[in-house]
């Protein structure tokens, strides 16, 4: 089983939050912005991996913007708290 790359293993200046602060949101991908919103991943995957899976599930932001809390929490790794953050 491959171990997930953890954000703390990524060089500090390449982490999404730090890039947002240093470069601005326009320089981040949707995956990185979503990872900042959800805050953390799971034991199996990083926040970046989880956000990529969410975007793939909803085929991008256009369908994600119309998602319900039930649809979001049906995704492994998304509980009510992360689902509400995404909906907001």
PDB file of N, CA and C in Angstrom:
ATOM      1  N   UNK A   1       0.839  -1.181   0.000  1.00  0.00           N
ATOM      2  CA  UNK A   1       0.000   0.000   0.000  1.00  0.00           C
ATOM      3  C   UNK A   1       0.887   1.248   0.000  1.00  0.00           C
ATOM      4  N   UNK A   2       0.628   2.160  -0.921  1.00  0.00           N
ATOM      5  CA  UNK A   2       1.409   3.385  -0.994  1.00  0.00           C
ATOM      6  C   UNK A   2       0.970   4.340   0.101  1.00  0.00           C
ATOM      7  N   UNK A   3       1.942   4.942   0.750  1.00  0.00           N
ATOM      8  CA  UNK A   3       1.648   5.898   1.802  1.00  0.00           C
ATOM      9  C   UNK A   3       1.401   7.264   1.164  1.00  0.00           C
ATOM     10  N   UNK A   4       0.385   7.955   1.648  1.00  0.00           N
ATOM     11  CA  UNK A   4       0.049   9.268   1.118  1.00  0.00           C
ATOM     12  C   UNK A   4       1.157  10.260   1.425  1.00  0.00           C
ATOM     13  N   UNK A   5       1.383  11.169   0.499  1.00  0.00           N
ATOM     14  CA  UNK A   5       2.327  12.258   0.748  1.00  0.00           C
ATOM     15  C   UNK A   5       1.615  13.263   1.638  1.00  0.00           C
ATOM     16  N   UNK A   6       2.191  13.544   2.757  1.00  0.00           N
ATOM     17  CA  UNK A   6       1.591  14.481   3.692  1.00  0.00           C
ATOM     18  C   UNK A   6       2.061  15.894   3.382  1.00  0.00           C
ATOM     19  N   UNK A   7       1.194  16.850   3.649  1.00  0.00           N
ATOM     20  CA  UNK A   7       1.529  18.247   3.387  1.00  0.00           C
ATOM     21  C   UNK A   7       2.808  18.649   4.111  1.00  0.00           C
ATOM     22  N   UNK A   8       3.000  18.122   5.326  1.00  0.00           N
ATOM     23  CA  UNK A   8       4.207  18.501   6.079  1.00  0.00           C
ATOM     24  C   UNK A   8       5.473  18.000   5.401  1.00  0.00           C
ATOM     25  N   UNK A   9       5.345  17.036   4.475  1.00  0.00           N
ATOM     26  CA  UNK A   9       6.501  16.536   3.741  1.00  0.00           C
ATOM     27  C   UNK A   9       6.808  17.377   2.495  1.00  0.00           C
ATOM     28  N   UNK A  10       5.898  18.258   2.146  1.00  0.00           N
ATOM     29  CA  UNK A  10       6.087  19.152   1.000  1.00  0.00           C
ATOM     30  C   UNK A  10       6.880  20.363   1.475  1.00  0.00           C
ATOM     31  N   UNK A  11       7.851  20.818   0.698  1.00  0.00           N
ATOM     32  CA  UNK A  11       8.604  22.014   1.117  1.00  0.00           C
ATOM     33  C   UNK A  11       7.652  23.162   1.451  1.00  0.00           C
ATOM     34  N   UNK A  12       7.963  23.881   2.504  1.00  0.00           N
ATOM     35  CA  UNK A  12       7.067  24.918   3.023  1.00  0.00           C
ATOM     36  C   UNK A  12       6.594  25.894   1.945  1.00  0.00           C
ATOM     37  N   UNK A  13       7.465  26.357   1.104  1.00  0.00           N
ATOM     38  CA  UNK A  13       7.076  27.358   0.107  1.00  0.00           C
ATOM     39  C   UNK A  13       6.256  26.774  -1.041  1.00  0.00           C
ATOM     40  N   UNK A  14       6.059  25.462  -1.061  1.00  0.00           N
ATOM     41  CA  UNK A  14       5.242  24.820  -2.091  1.00  0.00           C
ATOM     42  C   UNK A  14       3.878  24.376  -1.559  1.00  0.00           C
ATOM     43  N   UNK A  15       3.622  24.571  -0.279  1.00  0.00           N
ATOM     44  CA  UNK A  15       2.350  24.187   0.322  1.00  0.00           C
ATOM     45  C   UNK A  15       1.262  25.162  -0.106  1.00  0.00           C
ATOM     46  N   UNK A  16       0.033  24.667  -0.286  1.00  0.00           N
ATOM     47  CA  UNK A  16      -1.034  25.547  -0.771  1.00  0.00           C
ATOM     48  C   UNK A  16      -1.272  26.804   0.058  1.00  0.00           C
ATOM     49  N   UNK A  17      -1.326  26.698   1.370  1.00  0.00           N
ATOM     50  CA  UNK A  17      -1.580  27.893   2.192  1.00  0.00           C
ATOM     51  C   UNK A  17      -0.479  28.924   2.036  1.00  0.00           C
ATOM     52  N   UNK A  18       0.750  28.465   2.057  1.00  0.00           N
ATOM     53  CA  UNK A  18       1.874  29.384   1.932  1.00  0.00           C
ATOM     54  C   UNK A  18       1.911  30.015   0.541  1.00  0.00           C
ATOM     55  N   UNK A  19       1.602  29.226  -0.475  1.00  0.00           N
ATOM     56  CA  UNK A  19       1.553  29.774  -1.838  1.00  0.00           C
ATOM     57  C   UNK A  19       0.445  30.805  -1.965  1.00  0.00           C
ATOM     58  N   UNK A  20      -0.692  30.554  -1.328  1.00  0.00           N
ATOM     59  CA  UNK A  20      -1.788  31.519  -1.354  1.00  0.00           C
ATOM     60  C   UNK A  20      -1.341  32.841  -0.725  1.00  0.00           C
ATOM     61  N   UNK A  21      -0.668  32.749   0.421  1.00  0.00           N
ATOM     62  CA  UNK A  21      -0.203  33.955   1.101  1.00  0.00           C
ATOM     63  C   UNK A  21       0.870  34.693   0.304  1.00  0.00           C
ATOM     64  N   UNK A  22       1.779  33.948  -0.300  1.00  0.00           N
ATOM     65  CA  UNK A  22       2.917  34.560  -0.992  1.00  0.00           C
ATOM     66  C   UNK A  22       2.625  34.976  -2.424  1.00  0.00           C
ATOM     67  N   UNK A  23       1.760  34.223  -3.108  1.00  0.00           N
ATOM     68  CA  UNK A  23       1.545  34.475  -4.535  1.00  0.00           C
ATOM     69  C   UNK A  23       0.131  34.930  -4.873  1.00  0.00           C
ATOM     70  N   UNK A  24      -0.828  34.586  -4.028  1.00  0.00           N
ATOM     71  CA  UNK A  24      -2.222  34.931  -4.292  1.00  0.00           C
ATOM     72  C   UNK A  24      -3.003  33.745  -4.830  1.00  0.00           C
ATOM     73  N   UNK A  25      -4.306  33.811  -4.666  1.00  0.00           N
ATOM     74  CA  UNK A  25      -5.194  32.698  -5.043  1.00  0.00           C
ATOM     75  C   UNK A  25      -5.162  32.390  -6.536  1.00  0.00           C
ATOM     76  N   UNK A  26      -4.921  33.399  -7.367  1.00  0.00           N
ATOM     77  CA  UNK A  26      -4.958  33.157  -8.817  1.00  0.00           C
ATOM     78  C   UNK A  26      -3.842  32.225  -9.284  1.00  0.00           C
ATOM     79  N   UNK A  27      -2.848  31.992  -8.432  1.00  0.00           N
ATOM     80  CA  UNK A  27      -1.748  31.107  -8.801  1.00  0.00           C
ATOM     81  C   UNK A  27      -1.948  29.677  -8.315  1.00  0.00           C
ATOM     82  N   UNK A  28      -3.073  29.411  -7.647  1.00  0.00           N
ATOM     83  CA  UNK A  28      -3.355  28.067  -7.151  1.00  0.00           C
ATOM     84  C   UNK A  28      -4.390  27.380  -8.035  1.00  0.00           C
ATOM     85  N   UNK A  29      -4.280  26.080  -8.103  1.00  0.00           N
ATOM     86  CA  UNK A  29      -5.263  25.292  -8.856  1.00  0.00           C
ATOM     87  C   UNK A  29      -6.528  25.132  -8.013  1.00  0.00           C
ATOM     88  N   UNK A  30      -7.604  24.714  -8.660  1.00  0.00           N
ATOM     89  CA  UNK A  30      -8.841  24.434  -7.931  1.00  0.00           C
ATOM     90  C   UNK A  30      -8.605  23.364  -6.874  1.00  0.00           C
ATOM     91  N   UNK A  31      -7.775  22.384  -7.200  1.00  0.00           N
ATOM     92  CA  UNK A  31      -7.455  21.319  -6.256  1.00  0.00           C
ATOM     93  C   UNK A  31      -6.787  21.892  -5.009  1.00  0.00           C
ATOM     94  N   UNK A  32      -5.850  22.806  -5.189  1.00  0.00           N
ATOM     95  CA  UNK A  32      -5.152  23.408  -4.049  1.00  0.00           C
ATOM     96  C   UNK A  32      -6.082  24.287  -3.221  1.00  0.00           C
ATOM     97  N   UNK A  33      -6.936  25.057  -3.876  1.00  0.00           N
ATOM     98  CA  UNK A  33      -7.882  25.910  -3.155  1.00  0.00           C
ATOM     99  C   UNK A  33      -8.870  25.067  -2.354  1.00  0.00           C
ATOM    100  N   UNK A  34      -9.362  23.983  -2.950  1.00  0.00           N
ATOM    101  CA  UNK A  34     -10.274  23.089  -2.247  1.00  0.00           C
ATOM    102  C   UNK A  34      -9.572  22.415  -1.069  1.00  0.00           C
ATOM    103  N   UNK A  35      -8.310  22.048  -1.244  1.00  0.00           N
ATOM    104  CA  UNK A  35      -7.540  21.446  -0.150  1.00  0.00           C
ATOM    105  C   UNK A  35      -7.428  22.402   1.035  1.00  0.00           C
ATOM    106  N   UNK A  36      -7.266  23.685   0.762  1.00  0.00           N
ATOM    107  CA  UNK A  36      -7.218  24.675   1.839  1.00  0.00           C
ATOM    108  C   UNK A  36      -8.559  24.718   2.562  1.00  0.00           C
ATOM    109  N   UNK A  37      -9.653  24.669   1.809  1.00  0.00           N
ATOM    110  CA  UNK A  37     -10.984  24.692   2.422  1.00  0.00           C
ATOM    111  C   UNK A  37     -11.243  23.489   3.307  1.00  0.00           C
ATOM    112  N   UNK A  38     -10.857  22.300   2.847  1.00  0.00           N
ATOM    113  CA  UNK A  38     -11.160  21.101   3.644  1.00  0.00           C
ATOM    114  C   UNK A  38     -10.170  20.930   4.790  1.00  0.00           C
ATOM    115  N   UNK A  39      -9.008  21.541   4.685  1.00  0.00           N
ATOM    116  CA  UNK A  39      -8.078  21.611   5.811  1.00  0.00           C
ATOM    117  C   UNK A  39      -7.203  20.404   6.045  1.00  0.00           C
ATOM    118  N   UNK A  40      -7.752  19.215   5.972  1.00  0.00           N
ATOM    119  CA  UNK A  40      -6.953  18.017   6.229  1.00  0.00           C
ATOM    120  C   UNK A  40      -7.495  16.854   5.424  1.00  0.00           C
ATOM    121  N   UNK A  41      -6.638  15.888   5.236  1.00  0.00           N
ATOM    122  CA  UNK A  41      -7.039  14.682   4.537  1.00  0.00           C
ATOM    123  C   UNK A  41      -7.410  13.599   5.528  1.00  0.00           C
ATOM    124  N   UNK A  42      -7.096  12.376   5.161  1.00  0.00           N
ATOM    125  CA  UNK A  42      -7.354  11.224   6.012  1.00  0.00           C
ATOM    126  C   UNK A  42      -6.037  10.504   6.229  1.00  0.00           C
ATOM    127  N   UNK A  43      -6.074   9.398   6.942  1.00  0.00           N
ATOM    128  CA  UNK A  43      -4.854   8.608   7.106  1.00  0.00           C
ATOM    129  C   UNK A  43      -4.356   8.067   5.781  1.00  0.00           C
ATOM    130  N   UNK A  44      -5.288   7.816   4.874  1.00  0.00           N
ATOM    131  CA  UNK A  44      -4.934   7.219   3.586  1.00  0.00           C
ATOM    132  C   UNK A  44      -4.525   8.226   2.517  1.00  0.00           C
ATOM    133  N   UNK A  45      -4.993   9.468   2.634  1.00  0.00           N
ATOM    134  CA  UNK A  45      -4.691  10.438   1.583  1.00  0.00           C
ATOM    135  C   UNK A  45      -4.615  11.855   2.136  1.00  0.00           C
ATOM    136  N   UNK A  46      -3.807  12.662   1.481  1.00  0.00           N
ATOM    137  CA  UNK A  46      -3.627  14.050   1.889  1.00  0.00           C
ATOM    138  C   UNK A  46      -4.846  14.883   1.501  1.00  0.00           C
ATOM    139  N   UNK A  47      -4.903  16.095   2.003  1.00  0.00           N
ATOM    140  CA  UNK A  47      -5.974  17.012   1.621  1.00  0.00           C
ATOM    141  C   UNK A  47      -5.947  17.268   0.119  1.00  0.00           C
ATOM    142  N   UNK A  48      -4.750  17.326  -0.463  1.00  0.00           N
ATOM    143  CA  UNK A  48      -4.643  17.514  -1.914  1.00  0.00           C
ATOM    144  C   UNK A  48      -5.206  16.319  -2.671  1.00  0.00           C
ATOM    145  N   UNK A  49      -4.899  15.115  -2.202  1.00  0.00           N
ATOM    146  CA  UNK A  49      -5.425  13.916  -2.856  1.00  0.00           C
ATOM    147  C   UNK A  49      -6.941  13.847  -2.716  1.00  0.00           C
ATOM    148  N   UNK A  50      -7.444  14.154  -1.541  1.00  0.00           N
ATOM    149  CA  UNK A  50      -8.880  14.142  -1.295  1.00  0.00           C
ATOM    150  C   UNK A  50      -9.578  15.187  -2.159  1.00  0.00           C
ATOM    151  N   UNK A  51      -9.011  16.363  -2.262  1.00  0.00           N
ATOM    152  CA  UNK A  51      -9.632  17.404  -3.089  1.00  0.00           C
ATOM    153  C   UNK A  51      -9.627  17.009  -4.563  1.00  0.00           C
ATOM    154  N   UNK A  52      -8.576  16.345  -5.014  1.00  0.00           N
ATOM    155  CA  UNK A  52      -8.536  15.867  -6.400  1.00  0.00           C
ATOM    156  C   UNK A  52      -9.640  14.844  -6.635  1.00  0.00           C
ATOM    157  N   UNK A  53      -9.846  13.963  -5.662  1.00  0.00           N
ATOM    158  CA  UNK A  53     -10.885  12.943  -5.788  1.00  0.00           C
ATOM    159  C   UNK A  53     -12.280  13.578  -5.796  1.00  0.00           C
ATOM    160  N   UNK A  54     -12.476  14.611  -4.987  1.00  0.00           N
ATOM    161  CA  UNK A  54     -13.765  15.316  -4.966  1.00  0.00           C
ATOM    162  C   UNK A  54     -14.031  15.961  -6.323  1.00  0.00           C
ATOM    163  N   UNK A  55     -13.035  16.657  -6.853  1.00  0.00           N
ATOM    164  CA  UNK A  55     -13.197  17.308  -8.151  1.00  0.00           C
ATOM    165  C   UNK A  55     -13.445  16.289  -9.258  1.00  0.00           C
ATOM    166  N   UNK A  56     -12.785  15.141  -9.192  1.00  0.00           N
ATOM    167  CA  UNK A  56     -13.010  14.100 -10.185  1.00  0.00           C
ATOM    168  C   UNK A  56     -14.433  13.552 -10.053  1.00  0.00           C
ATOM    169  N   UNK A  57     -14.872  13.342  -8.824  1.00  0.00           N
ATOM    170  CA  UNK A  57     -16.222  12.814  -8.568  1.00  0.00           C
ATOM    171  C   UNK A  57     -17.288  13.730  -9.175  1.00  0.00           C
ATOM    172  N   UNK A  58     -17.120  15.033  -9.000  1.00  0.00           N
ATOM    173  CA  UNK A  58     -18.098  16.002  -9.488  1.00  0.00           C
ATOM    174  C   UNK A  58     -17.740  16.560 -10.865  1.00  0.00           C
ATOM    175  N   UNK A  59     -16.709  16.009 -11.479  1.00  0.00           N
ATOM    176  CA  UNK A  59     -16.267  16.435 -12.816  1.00  0.00           C
ATOM    177  C   UNK A  59     -15.965  17.927 -12.851  1.00  0.00           C
ATOM    178  N   UNK A  60     -15.355  18.430 -11.777  1.00  0.00           N
ATOM    179  CA  UNK A  60     -14.944  19.827 -11.727  1.00  0.00           C
ATOM    180  C   UNK A  60     -15.835  20.674 -10.846  1.00  0.00           C
ATOM    181  N   UNK A  61     -15.610  21.955 -10.889  1.00  0.00           N
ATOM    182  CA  UNK A  61     -16.325  22.887 -10.020  1.00  0.00           C
ATOM    183  C   UNK A  61     -17.766  23.122 -10.439  1.00  0.00           C
ATOM    184  N   UNK A  62     -18.076  22.985 -11.729  1.00  0.00           N
ATOM    185  CA  UNK A  62     -19.428  23.317 -12.190  1.00  0.00           C
ATOM    186  C   UNK A  62     -20.491  22.441 -11.527  1.00  0.00           C
ATOM    187  N   UNK A  63     -20.221  21.161 -11.333  1.00  0.00           N
ATOM    188  CA  UNK A  63     -21.176  20.292 -10.645  1.00  0.00           C
ATOM    189  C   UNK A  63     -20.998  20.348  -9.132  1.00  0.00           C
ATOM    190  N   UNK A  64     -19.778  20.597  -8.674  1.00  0.00           N
ATOM    191  CA  UNK A  64     -19.522  20.687  -7.235  1.00  0.00           C
ATOM    192  C   UNK A  64     -20.312  21.833  -6.608  1.00  0.00           C
ATOM    193  N   UNK A  65     -20.453  22.924  -7.320  1.00  0.00           N
ATOM    194  CA  UNK A  65     -21.160  24.088  -6.764  1.00  0.00           C
ATOM    195  C   UNK A  65     -22.622  23.797  -6.471  1.00  0.00           C
ATOM    196  N   UNK A  66     -23.180  22.767  -7.099  1.00  0.00           N
ATOM    197  CA  UNK A  66     -24.580  22.403  -6.885  1.00  0.00           C
ATOM    198  C   UNK A  66     -24.738  21.169  -5.997  1.00  0.00           C
ATOM    199  N   UNK A  67     -23.658  20.692  -5.419  1.00  0.00           N
ATOM    200  CA  UNK A  67     -23.690  19.473  -4.594  1.00  0.00           C
ATOM    201  C   UNK A  67     -24.481  19.707  -3.315  1.00  0.00           C
ATOM    202  N   UNK A  68     -25.078  18.633  -2.826  1.00  0.00           N
ATOM    203  CA  UNK A  68     -25.780  18.678  -1.545  1.00  0.00           C
ATOM    204  C   UNK A  68     -24.862  18.130  -0.460  1.00  0.00           C
ATOM    205  N   UNK A  69     -25.219  18.388   0.778  1.00  0.00           N
ATOM    206  CA  UNK A  69     -24.424  17.851   1.887  1.00  0.00           C
ATOM    207  C   UNK A  69     -24.443  16.328   1.850  1.00  0.00           C
ATOM    208  N   UNK A  70     -25.556  15.740   1.438  1.00  0.00           N
ATOM    209  CA  UNK A  70     -25.648  14.278   1.352  1.00  0.00           C
ATOM    210  C   UNK A  70     -24.692  13.724   0.302  1.00  0.00           C
ATOM    211  N   UNK A  71     -24.600  14.400  -0.828  1.00  0.00           N
ATOM    212  CA  UNK A  71     -23.674  13.953  -1.880  1.00  0.00           C
ATOM    213  C   UNK A  71     -22.226  14.074  -1.417  1.00  0.00           C
ATOM    214  N   UNK A  72     -21.925  15.155  -0.729  1.00  0.00           N
ATOM    215  CA  UNK A  72     -20.555  15.364  -0.257  1.00  0.00           C
ATOM    216  C   UNK A  72     -20.167  14.356   0.815  1.00  0.00           C
ATOM    217  N   UNK A  73     -21.038  14.149   1.786  1.00  0.00           N
ATOM    218  CA  UNK A  73     -20.693  13.246   2.883  1.00  0.00           C
ATOM    219  C   UNK A  73     -20.718  11.783   2.463  1.00  0.00           C
ATOM    220  N   UNK A  74     -21.239  11.498   1.286  1.00  0.00           N
ATOM    221  CA  UNK A  74     -21.187  10.133   0.759  1.00  0.00           C
ATOM    222  C   UNK A  74     -19.777   9.782   0.271  1.00  0.00           C
ATOM    223  N   UNK A  75     -18.934  10.786   0.107  1.00  0.00           N
ATOM    224  CA  UNK A  75     -17.559  10.587  -0.345  1.00  0.00           C
ATOM    225  C   UNK A  75     -16.704  10.241   0.867  1.00  0.00           C
ATOM    226  N   UNK A  76     -15.970   9.152   0.783  1.00  0.00           N
ATOM    227  CA  UNK A  76     -15.097   8.738   1.882  1.00  0.00           C
ATOM    228  C   UNK A  76     -14.101   9.859   2.191  1.00  0.00           C
ATOM    229  N   UNK A  77     -14.031  10.227   3.464  1.00  0.00           N
ATOM    230  CA  UNK A  77     -13.119  11.279   3.890  1.00  0.00           C
ATOM    231  C   UNK A  77     -13.792  12.620   4.075  1.00  0.00           C
ATOM    232  N   UNK A  78     -15.065  12.724   3.654  1.00  0.00           N
ATOM    233  CA  UNK A  78     -15.800  13.974   3.818  1.00  0.00           C
ATOM    234  C   UNK A  78     -16.913  13.759   4.830  1.00  0.00           C
ATOM    235  N   UNK A  79     -16.745  14.359   5.989  1.00  0.00           N
ATOM    236  CA  UNK A  79     -17.779  14.334   7.014  1.00  0.00           C
ATOM    237  C   UNK A  79     -18.595  15.606   6.921  1.00  0.00           C
ATOM    238  N   UNK A  80     -19.449  15.780   7.885  1.00  0.00           N
ATOM    239  CA  UNK A  80     -20.318  16.949   7.876  1.00  0.00           C
ATOM    240  C   UNK A  80     -19.537  18.265   7.930  1.00  0.00           C
ATOM    241  N   UNK A  81     -18.506  18.343   8.766  1.00  0.00           N
ATOM    242  CA  UNK A  81     -17.733  19.586   8.904  1.00  0.00           C
ATOM    243  C   UNK A  81     -17.058  19.977   7.585  1.00  0.00           C
ATOM    244  N   UNK A  82     -16.388  19.034   6.936  1.00  0.00           N
ATOM    245  CA  UNK A  82     -15.744  19.346   5.656  1.00  0.00           C
ATOM    246  C   UNK A  82     -16.780  19.624   4.583  1.00  0.00           C
ATOM    247  N   UNK A  83     -17.880  18.877   4.621  1.00  0.00           N
ATOM    248  CA  UNK A  83     -18.961  19.107   3.654  1.00  0.00           C
ATOM    249  C   UNK A  83     -19.532  20.510   3.767  1.00  0.00           C
ATOM    250  N   UNK A  84     -19.741  20.971   4.990  1.00  0.00           N
ATOM    251  CA  UNK A  84     -20.263  22.323   5.200  1.00  0.00           C
ATOM    252  C   UNK A  84     -19.260  23.373   4.725  1.00  0.00           C
ATOM    253  N   UNK A  85     -17.988  23.149   4.967  1.00  0.00           N
ATOM    254  CA  UNK A  85     -16.955  24.086   4.485  1.00  0.00           C
ATOM    255  C   UNK A  85     -16.986  24.199   2.973  1.00  0.00           C
ATOM    256  N   UNK A  86     -17.147  23.083   2.303  1.00  0.00           N
ATOM    257  CA  UNK A  86     -17.202  23.079   0.846  1.00  0.00           C
ATOM    258  C   UNK A  86     -18.461  23.802   0.368  1.00  0.00           C
ATOM    259  N   UNK A  87     -19.604  23.521   1.006  1.00  0.00           N
ATOM    260  CA  UNK A  87     -20.840  24.185   0.613  1.00  0.00           C
ATOM    261  C   UNK A  87     -20.770  25.700   0.794  1.00  0.00           C
ATOM    262  N   UNK A  88     -20.089  26.128   1.850  1.00  0.00           N
ATOM    263  CA  UNK A  88     -19.980  27.570   2.109  1.00  0.00           C
ATOM    264  C   UNK A  88     -19.178  28.242   1.011  1.00  0.00           C
TER     265      UNK A  88
END
